[in-house]
Amino acid sequence: ARIELLQGPNNNKQVIELYTEDGLDRPFFCVLRTPGSGNVIRVVNTAPVEFPMTASVVADSINPDVSSDAVLGGDVVIGGDLGW
């Protein structure tokens, strides 16, 4: 698998090339710092179709200043930038 961290349009992406034979016995965990807004984490399965992959990206900490008043059908903030 290839894990890519993209931080804005004008920066070079950071890449982790990962190989494991059995992710159930030896799973891979990683903490990536993504300061600021506009960060994207991309996970690409580089194996053939015969070897599927399950991946998840979870926030380790959340900005306490962000409003948690979710509104169904409300405004969507892309990239977490609330100051626009």
PDB file of N, CA and C in Angstrom:
ATOM      1  N   ALA A   1       0.846  -1.179   0.000  1.00  0.00           N
ATOM      2  CA  ALA A   1       0.000   0.000   0.000  1.00  0.00           C
ATOM      3  C   ALA A   1       0.882   1.230   0.000  1.00  0.00           C
ATOM      4  N   ARG A   2       0.327   2.306  -0.431  1.00  0.00           N
ATOM      5  CA  ARG A   2       1.019   3.591  -0.415  1.00  0.00           C
ATOM      6  C   ARG A   2       0.140   4.574   0.362  1.00  0.00           C
ATOM      7  N   ILE A   3       0.735   5.230   1.361  1.00  0.00           N
ATOM      8  CA  ILE A   3       0.041   6.227   2.163  1.00  0.00           C
ATOM      9  C   ILE A   3       0.651   7.579   1.819  1.00  0.00           C
ATOM     10  N   GLU A   4      -0.180   8.510   1.396  1.00  0.00           N
ATOM     11  CA  GLU A   4       0.300   9.828   0.973  1.00  0.00           C
ATOM     12  C   GLU A   4      -0.320  10.910   1.850  1.00  0.00           C
ATOM     13  N   LEU A   5       0.499  11.866   2.238  1.00  0.00           N
ATOM     14  CA  LEU A   5       0.030  13.039   2.973  1.00  0.00           C
ATOM     15  C   LEU A   5       0.247  14.248   2.083  1.00  0.00           C
ATOM     16  N   LEU A   6      -0.850  14.900   1.700  1.00  0.00           N
ATOM     17  CA  LEU A   6      -0.791  16.091   0.859  1.00  0.00           C
ATOM     18  C   LEU A   6      -1.169  17.290   1.716  1.00  0.00           C
ATOM     19  N   GLN A   7      -0.274  18.273   1.798  1.00  0.00           N
ATOM     20  CA  GLN A   7      -0.510  19.457   2.615  1.00  0.00           C
ATOM     21  C   GLN A   7      -0.523  20.686   1.715  1.00  0.00           C
ATOM     22  N   GLY A   8      -1.648  20.940   1.120  1.00  0.00           N
ATOM     23  CA  GLY A   8      -1.792  22.101   0.253  1.00  0.00           C
ATOM     24  C   GLY A   8      -1.362  21.811  -1.168  1.00  0.00           C
ATOM     25  N   PRO A   9      -1.732  22.697  -2.090  1.00  0.00           N
ATOM     26  CA  PRO A   9      -1.476  22.444  -3.507  1.00  0.00           C
ATOM     27  C   PRO A   9      -0.023  22.652  -3.936  1.00  0.00           C
ATOM     28  N   ASN A  10       0.772  23.437  -3.212  1.00  0.00           N
ATOM     29  CA  ASN A  10       2.112  23.775  -3.668  1.00  0.00           C
ATOM     30  C   ASN A  10       3.224  23.067  -2.903  1.00  0.00           C
ATOM     31  N   ASN A  11       2.891  22.072  -2.073  1.00  0.00           N
ATOM     32  CA  ASN A  11       3.889  21.339  -1.305  1.00  0.00           C
ATOM     33  C   ASN A  11       4.063  19.939  -1.862  1.00  0.00           C
ATOM     34  N   ASN A  12       5.268  19.393  -1.692  1.00  0.00           N
ATOM     35  CA  ASN A  12       5.506  18.014  -2.094  1.00  0.00           C
ATOM     36  C   ASN A  12       4.778  17.076  -1.144  1.00  0.00           C
ATOM     37  N   LYS A  13       4.217  16.002  -1.695  1.00  0.00           N
ATOM     38  CA  LYS A  13       3.524  15.052  -0.837  1.00  0.00           C
ATOM     39  C   LYS A  13       4.544  14.161  -0.137  1.00  0.00           C
ATOM     40  N   GLN A  14       4.188  13.738   1.074  1.00  0.00           N
ATOM     41  CA  GLN A  14       5.006  12.806   1.832  1.00  0.00           C
ATOM     42  C   GLN A  14       4.409  11.420   1.634  1.00  0.00           C
ATOM     43  N   VAL A  15       5.271  10.429   1.379  1.00  0.00           N
ATOM     44  CA  VAL A  15       4.794   9.101   0.989  1.00  0.00           C
ATOM     45  C   VAL A  15       5.398   8.036   1.894  1.00  0.00           C
ATOM     46  N   ILE A  16       4.561   7.076   2.303  1.00  0.00           N
ATOM     47  CA  ILE A  16       5.000   5.875   3.005  1.00  0.00           C
ATOM     48  C   ILE A  16       4.653   4.689   2.117  1.00  0.00           C
ATOM     49  N   GLU A  17       5.661   3.894   1.733  1.00  0.00           N
ATOM     50  CA  GLU A  17       5.423   2.649   1.008  1.00  0.00           C
ATOM     51  C   GLU A  17       5.372   1.544   2.052  1.00  0.00           C
ATOM     52  N   LEU A  18       4.287   0.792   2.097  1.00  0.00           N
ATOM     53  CA  LEU A  18       4.059  -0.186   3.146  1.00  0.00           C
ATOM     54  C   LEU A  18       3.837  -1.561   2.548  1.00  0.00           C
ATOM     55  N   TYR A  19       4.488  -2.568   3.139  1.00  0.00           N
ATOM     56  CA  TYR A  19       4.288  -3.951   2.710  1.00  0.00           C
ATOM     57  C   TYR A  19       4.066  -4.817   3.937  1.00  0.00           C
ATOM     58  N   THR A  20       3.066  -5.655   3.892  1.00  0.00           N
ATOM     59  CA  THR A  20       2.826  -6.656   4.928  1.00  0.00           C
ATOM     60  C   THR A  20       2.160  -7.864   4.283  1.00  0.00           C
ATOM     61  N   GLU A  21       2.477  -9.045   4.792  1.00  0.00           N
ATOM     62  CA  GLU A  21       1.867 -10.255   4.232  1.00  0.00           C
ATOM     63  C   GLU A  21       0.510 -10.534   4.823  1.00  0.00           C
ATOM     64  N   ASP A  22       0.335 -10.260   6.117  1.00  0.00           N
ATOM     65  CA  ASP A  22      -0.939 -10.554   6.761  1.00  0.00           C
ATOM     66  C   ASP A  22      -1.253  -9.424   7.741  1.00  0.00           C
ATOM     67  N   GLY A  23      -2.084  -8.503   7.317  1.00  0.00           N
ATOM     68  CA  GLY A  23      -2.432  -7.367   8.156  1.00  0.00           C
ATOM     69  C   GLY A  23      -3.294  -7.729   9.351  1.00  0.00           C
ATOM     70  N   LEU A  24      -3.941  -8.899   9.325  1.00  0.00           N
ATOM     71  CA  LEU A  24      -4.735  -9.318  10.483  1.00  0.00           C
ATOM     72  C   LEU A  24      -3.828  -9.726  11.643  1.00  0.00           C
ATOM     73  N   ASP A  25      -2.716 -10.399  11.350  1.00  0.00           N
ATOM     74  CA  ASP A  25      -1.773 -10.802  12.393  1.00  0.00           C
ATOM     75  C   ASP A  25      -0.859  -9.652  12.806  1.00  0.00           C
ATOM     76  N   ARG A  26      -0.441  -8.838  11.842  1.00  0.00           N
ATOM     77  CA  ARG A  26       0.483  -7.739  12.100  1.00  0.00           C
ATOM     78  C   ARG A  26      -0.038  -6.454  11.451  1.00  0.00           C
ATOM     79  N   PRO A  27      -1.036  -5.820  12.074  1.00  0.00           N
ATOM     80  CA  PRO A  27      -1.592  -4.588  11.483  1.00  0.00           C
ATOM     81  C   PRO A  27      -0.603  -3.431  11.592  1.00  0.00           C
ATOM     82  N   PHE A  28      -0.802  -2.433  10.761  1.00  0.00           N
ATOM     83  CA  PHE A  28       0.046  -1.242  10.736  1.00  0.00           C
ATOM     84  C   PHE A  28      -0.742  -0.071  11.309  1.00  0.00           C
ATOM     85  N   PHE A  29      -0.142   0.633  12.270  1.00  0.00           N
ATOM     86  CA  PHE A  29      -0.731   1.831  12.859  1.00  0.00           C
ATOM     87  C   PHE A  29       0.265   2.966  12.698  1.00  0.00           C
ATOM     88  N   CYS A  30      -0.235   4.157  12.464  1.00  0.00           N
ATOM     89  CA  CYS A  30       0.641   5.300  12.253  1.00  0.00           C
ATOM     90  C   CYS A  30      -0.082   6.564  12.706  1.00  0.00           C
ATOM     91  N   VAL A  31       0.669   7.508  13.288  1.00  0.00           N
ATOM     92  CA  VAL A  31       0.128   8.816  13.649  1.00  0.00           C
ATOM     93  C   VAL A  31       0.835   9.852  12.786  1.00  0.00           C
ATOM     94  N   LEU A  32       0.071  10.575  11.989  1.00  0.00           N
ATOM     95  CA  LEU A  32       0.615  11.613  11.112  1.00  0.00           C
ATOM     96  C   LEU A  32       0.160  12.972  11.595  1.00  0.00           C
ATOM     97  N   ARG A  33       1.095  13.880  11.805  1.00  0.00           N
ATOM     98  CA  ARG A  33       0.735  15.242  12.188  1.00  0.00           C
ATOM     99  C   ARG A  33       0.283  15.992  10.938  1.00  0.00           C
ATOM    100  N   THR A  34      -0.860  16.624  11.049  1.00  0.00           N
ATOM    101  CA  THR A  34      -1.406  17.400   9.932  1.00  0.00           C
ATOM    102  C   THR A  34      -1.776  18.789  10.434  1.00  0.00           C
ATOM    103  N   PRO A  35      -0.778  19.631  10.719  1.00  0.00           N
ATOM    104  CA  PRO A  35      -1.089  20.965  11.247  1.00  0.00           C
ATOM    105  C   PRO A  35      -1.781  21.836  10.208  1.00  0.00           C
ATOM    106  N   GLY A  36      -2.641  22.710  10.680  1.00  0.00           N
ATOM    107  CA  GLY A  36      -3.335  23.632   9.778  1.00  0.00           C
ATOM    108  C   GLY A  36      -4.503  22.957   9.088  1.00  0.00           C
ATOM    109  N   SER A  37      -4.941  23.581   8.013  1.00  0.00           N
ATOM    110  CA  SER A  37      -6.089  23.048   7.266  1.00  0.00           C
ATOM    111  C   SER A  37      -5.656  22.695   5.850  1.00  0.00           C
ATOM    112  N   GLY A  38      -6.533  22.022   5.141  1.00  0.00           N
ATOM    113  CA  GLY A  38      -6.260  21.671   3.749  1.00  0.00           C
ATOM    114  C   GLY A  38      -5.402  20.430   3.595  1.00  0.00           C
ATOM    115  N   ASN A  39      -5.337  19.576   4.606  1.00  0.00           N
ATOM    116  CA  ASN A  39      -4.541  18.350   4.533  1.00  0.00           C
ATOM    117  C   ASN A  39      -5.392  17.200   4.011  1.00  0.00           C
ATOM    118  N   VAL A  40      -4.755  16.333   3.224  1.00  0.00           N
ATOM    119  CA  VAL A  40      -5.432  15.159   2.678  1.00  0.00           C
ATOM    120  C   VAL A  40      -4.553  13.946   2.925  1.00  0.00           C
ATOM    121  N   ILE A  41      -5.138  12.873   3.439  1.00  0.00           N
ATOM    122  CA  ILE A  41      -4.444  11.595   3.568  1.00  0.00           C
ATOM    123  C   ILE A  41      -5.067  10.651   2.556  1.00  0.00           C
ATOM    124  N   ARG A  42      -4.216  10.095   1.718  1.00  0.00           N
ATOM    125  CA  ARG A  42      -4.675   9.214   0.640  1.00  0.00           C
ATOM    126  C   ARG A  42      -4.042   7.840   0.850  1.00  0.00           C
ATOM    127  N   VAL A  43      -4.854   6.791   0.834  1.00  0.00           N
ATOM    128  CA  VAL A  43      -4.375   5.418   0.979  1.00  0.00           C
ATOM    129  C   VAL A  43      -4.669   4.691  -0.326  1.00  0.00           C
ATOM    130  N   VAL A  44      -3.618   4.140  -0.954  1.00  0.00           N
ATOM    131  CA  VAL A  44      -3.755   3.485  -2.252  1.00  0.00           C
ATOM    132  C   VAL A  44      -3.333   2.028  -2.114  1.00  0.00           C
ATOM    133  N   ASN A  45      -4.199   1.118  -2.534  1.00  0.00           N
ATOM    134  CA  ASN A  45      -3.847  -0.303  -2.560  1.00  0.00           C
ATOM    135  C   ASN A  45      -3.038  -0.559  -3.827  1.00  0.00           C
ATOM    136  N   THR A  46      -1.758  -0.884  -3.682  1.00  0.00           N
ATOM    137  CA  THR A  46      -0.888  -1.134  -4.832  1.00  0.00           C
ATOM    138  C   THR A  46      -0.843  -2.610  -5.203  1.00  0.00           C
ATOM    139  N   ALA A  47      -1.583  -3.453  -4.480  1.00  0.00           N
ATOM    140  CA  ALA A  47      -1.615  -4.891  -4.760  1.00  0.00           C
ATOM    141  C   ALA A  47      -2.624  -5.196  -5.863  1.00  0.00           C
ATOM    142  N   PRO A  48      -2.527  -6.392  -6.443  1.00  0.00           N
ATOM    143  CA  PRO A  48      -3.536  -6.788  -7.435  1.00  0.00           C
ATOM    144  C   PRO A  48      -4.915  -6.943  -6.797  1.00  0.00           C
ATOM    145  N   VAL A  49      -5.923  -7.104  -7.637  1.00  0.00           N
ATOM    146  CA  VAL A  49      -7.305  -7.205  -7.179  1.00  0.00           C
ATOM    147  C   VAL A  49      -7.500  -8.411  -6.255  1.00  0.00           C
ATOM    148  N   GLU A  50      -6.692  -9.443  -6.422  1.00  0.00           N
ATOM    149  CA  GLU A  50      -6.840 -10.659  -5.618  1.00  0.00           C
ATOM    150  C   GLU A  50      -6.503 -10.441  -4.151  1.00  0.00           C
ATOM    151  N   PHE A  51      -5.848  -9.318  -3.817  1.00  0.00           N
ATOM    152  CA  PHE A  51      -5.440  -9.039  -2.444  1.00  0.00           C
ATOM    153  C   PHE A  51      -6.090  -7.733  -1.982  1.00  0.00           C
ATOM    154  N   PRO A  52      -7.349  -7.823  -1.504  1.00  0.00           N
ATOM    155  CA  PRO A  52      -8.038  -6.602  -1.073  1.00  0.00           C
ATOM    156  C   PRO A  52      -7.422  -6.041   0.213  1.00  0.00           C
ATOM    157  N   MET A  53      -7.767  -4.819   0.523  1.00  0.00           N
ATOM    158  CA  MET A  53      -7.205  -4.136   1.679  1.00  0.00           C
ATOM    159  C   MET A  53      -8.310  -3.359   2.372  1.00  0.00           C
ATOM    160  N   THR A  54      -8.233  -3.309   3.694  1.00  0.00           N
ATOM    161  CA  THR A  54      -9.134  -2.489   4.488  1.00  0.00           C
ATOM    162  C   THR A  54      -8.307  -1.432   5.189  1.00  0.00           C
ATOM    163  N   ALA A  55      -8.708  -0.176   5.073  1.00  0.00           N
ATOM    164  CA  ALA A  55      -7.962   0.919   5.696  1.00  0.00           C
ATOM    165  C   ALA A  55      -8.941   1.897   6.328  1.00  0.00           C
ATOM    166  N   SER A  56      -8.478   2.576   7.370  1.00  0.00           N
ATOM    167  CA  SER A  56      -9.286   3.628   7.980  1.00  0.00           C
ATOM    168  C   SER A  56      -8.372   4.747   8.450  1.00  0.00           C
ATOM    169  N   VAL A  57      -8.881   5.964   8.380  1.00  0.00           N
ATOM    170  CA  VAL A  57      -8.175   7.150   8.854  1.00  0.00           C
ATOM    171  C   VAL A  57      -9.072   7.790   9.905  1.00  0.00           C
ATOM    172  N   VAL A  58      -8.543   7.952  11.120  1.00  0.00           N
ATOM    173  CA  VAL A  58      -9.325   8.433  12.248  1.00  0.00           C
ATOM    174  C   VAL A  58      -8.612   9.627  12.872  1.00  0.00           C
ATOM    175  N   ALA A  59      -9.366  10.641  13.236  1.00  0.00           N
ATOM    176  CA  ALA A  59      -8.777  11.806  13.901  1.00  0.00           C
ATOM    177  C   ALA A  59      -8.326  11.422  15.301  1.00  0.00           C
ATOM    178  N   ASP A  60      -7.070  11.751  15.628  1.00  0.00           N
ATOM    179  CA  ASP A  60      -6.545  11.469  16.967  1.00  0.00           C
ATOM    180  C   ASP A  60      -6.948  12.551  17.950  1.00  0.00           C
ATOM    181  N   SER A  61      -6.989  13.783  17.499  1.00  0.00           N
ATOM    182  CA  SER A  61      -7.469  14.888  18.325  1.00  0.00           C
ATOM    183  C   SER A  61      -8.265  15.830  17.439  1.00  0.00           C
ATOM    184  N   ILE A  62      -9.184  16.505  18.050  1.00  0.00           N
ATOM    185  CA  ILE A  62     -10.077  17.385  17.310  1.00  0.00           C
ATOM    186  C   ILE A  62      -9.965  18.784  17.887  1.00  0.00           C
ATOM    187  N   ASN A  63     -10.008  19.776  17.045  1.00  0.00           N
ATOM    188  CA  ASN A  63      -9.936  21.165  17.470  1.00  0.00           C
ATOM    189  C   ASN A  63     -11.159  21.472  18.349  1.00  0.00           C
ATOM    190  N   PRO A  64     -10.938  21.865  19.619  1.00  0.00           N
ATOM    191  CA  PRO A  64     -12.080  22.123  20.506  1.00  0.00           C
ATOM    192  C   PRO A  64     -12.866  23.378  20.128  1.00  0.00           C
ATOM    193  N   ASP A  65     -12.301  24.238  19.271  1.00  0.00           N
ATOM    194  CA  ASP A  65     -12.987  25.465  18.883  1.00  0.00           C
ATOM    195  C   ASP A  65     -14.014  25.244  17.772  1.00  0.00           C
ATOM    196  N   VAL A  66     -13.997  24.061  17.159  1.00  0.00           N
ATOM    197  CA  VAL A  66     -14.915  23.776  16.067  1.00  0.00           C
ATOM    198  C   VAL A  66     -16.296  23.484  16.649  1.00  0.00           C
ATOM    199  N   SER A  67     -17.308  24.059  16.059  1.00  0.00           N
ATOM    200  CA  SER A  67     -18.673  23.862  16.534  1.00  0.00           C
ATOM    201  C   SER A  67     -19.126  22.439  16.244  1.00  0.00           C
ATOM    202  N   SER A  68     -19.801  21.825  17.202  1.00  0.00           N
ATOM    203  CA  SER A  68     -20.313  20.471  17.001  1.00  0.00           C
ATOM    204  C   SER A  68     -21.807  20.474  16.711  1.00  0.00           C
ATOM    205  N   ASP A  69     -22.349  21.615  16.319  1.00  0.00           N
ATOM    206  CA  ASP A  69     -23.777  21.716  16.018  1.00  0.00           C
ATOM    207  C   ASP A  69     -24.025  21.252  14.587  1.00  0.00           C
ATOM    208  N   ALA A  70     -24.094  19.942  14.398  1.00  0.00           N
ATOM    209  CA  ALA A  70     -24.313  19.385  13.070  1.00  0.00           C
ATOM    210  C   ALA A  70     -25.752  19.628  12.649  1.00  0.00           C
ATOM    211  N   VAL A  71     -25.916  20.040  11.400  1.00  0.00           N
ATOM    212  CA  VAL A  71     -27.241  20.303  10.855  1.00  0.00           C
ATOM    213  C   VAL A  71     -27.390  19.471   9.596  1.00  0.00           C
ATOM    214  N   LEU A  72     -28.403  18.621   9.559  1.00  0.00           N
ATOM    215  CA  LEU A  72     -28.645  17.800   8.388  1.00  0.00           C
ATOM    216  C   LEU A  72     -28.987  18.711   7.211  1.00  0.00           C
ATOM    217  N   GLY A  73     -28.227  18.584   6.133  1.00  0.00           N
ATOM    218  CA  GLY A  73     -28.451  19.410   4.951  1.00  0.00           C
ATOM    219  C   GLY A  73     -27.896  20.807   5.094  1.00  0.00           C
ATOM    220  N   GLY A  74     -27.060  21.043   6.111  1.00  0.00           N
ATOM    221  CA  GLY A  74     -26.488  22.365   6.336  1.00  0.00           C
ATOM    222  C   GLY A  74     -25.228  22.581   5.522  1.00  0.00           C
ATOM    223  N   ASP A  75     -24.475  23.616   5.877  1.00  0.00           N
ATOM    224  CA  ASP A  75     -23.250  23.948   5.168  1.00  0.00           C
ATOM    225  C   ASP A  75     -22.183  22.888   5.427  1.00  0.00           C
ATOM    226  N   VAL A  76     -21.337  22.659   4.428  1.00  0.00           N
ATOM    227  CA  VAL A  76     -20.235  21.714   4.527  1.00  0.00           C
ATOM    228  C   VAL A  76     -18.942  22.507   4.500  1.00  0.00           C
ATOM    229  N   VAL A  77     -18.054  22.233   5.449  1.00  0.00           N
ATOM    230  CA  VAL A  77     -16.747  22.881   5.481  1.00  0.00           C
ATOM    231  C   VAL A  77     -15.735  21.870   4.988  1.00  0.00           C
ATOM    232  N   ILE A  78     -15.087  22.160   3.863  1.00  0.00           N
ATOM    233  CA  ILE A  78     -14.124  21.252   3.274  1.00  0.00           C
ATOM    234  C   ILE A  78     -12.726  21.653   3.736  1.00  0.00           C
ATOM    235  N   GLY A  79     -11.974  20.689   4.248  1.00  0.00           N
ATOM    236  CA  GLY A  79     -10.616  20.952   4.691  1.00  0.00           C
ATOM    237  C   GLY A  79     -10.533  21.516   6.087  1.00  0.00           C
ATOM    238  N   GLY A  80     -11.641  21.703   6.760  1.00  0.00           N
ATOM    239  CA  GLY A  80     -11.619  22.179   8.139  1.00  0.00           C
ATOM    240  C   GLY A  80     -11.313  23.646   8.296  1.00  0.00           C
ATOM    241  N   ASP A  81     -11.366  24.427   7.234  1.00  0.00           N
ATOM    242  CA  ASP A  81     -11.030  25.837   7.299  1.00  0.00           C
ATOM    243  C   ASP A  81     -12.298  26.630   7.630  1.00  0.00           C
ATOM    244  N   LEU A  82     -12.412  27.059   8.888  1.00  0.00           N
ATOM    245  CA  LEU A  82     -13.616  27.779   9.304  1.00  0.00           C
ATOM    246  C   LEU A  82     -13.483  29.275   9.132  1.00  0.00           C
ATOM    247  N   GLY A  83     -12.257  29.767   8.835  1.00  0.00           N
ATOM    248  CA  GLY A  83     -12.057  31.208   8.772  1.00  0.00           C
ATOM    249  C   GLY A  83     -12.275  31.831   7.418  1.00  0.00           C
ATOM    250  N   TRP A  84     -12.916  31.148   6.523  1.00  0.00           N
ATOM    251  CA  TRP A  84     -13.115  31.728   5.192  1.00  0.00           C
ATOM    252  C   TRP A  84     -14.344  32.513   5.220  1.00  0.00           C
TER     253      TRP A  84
END
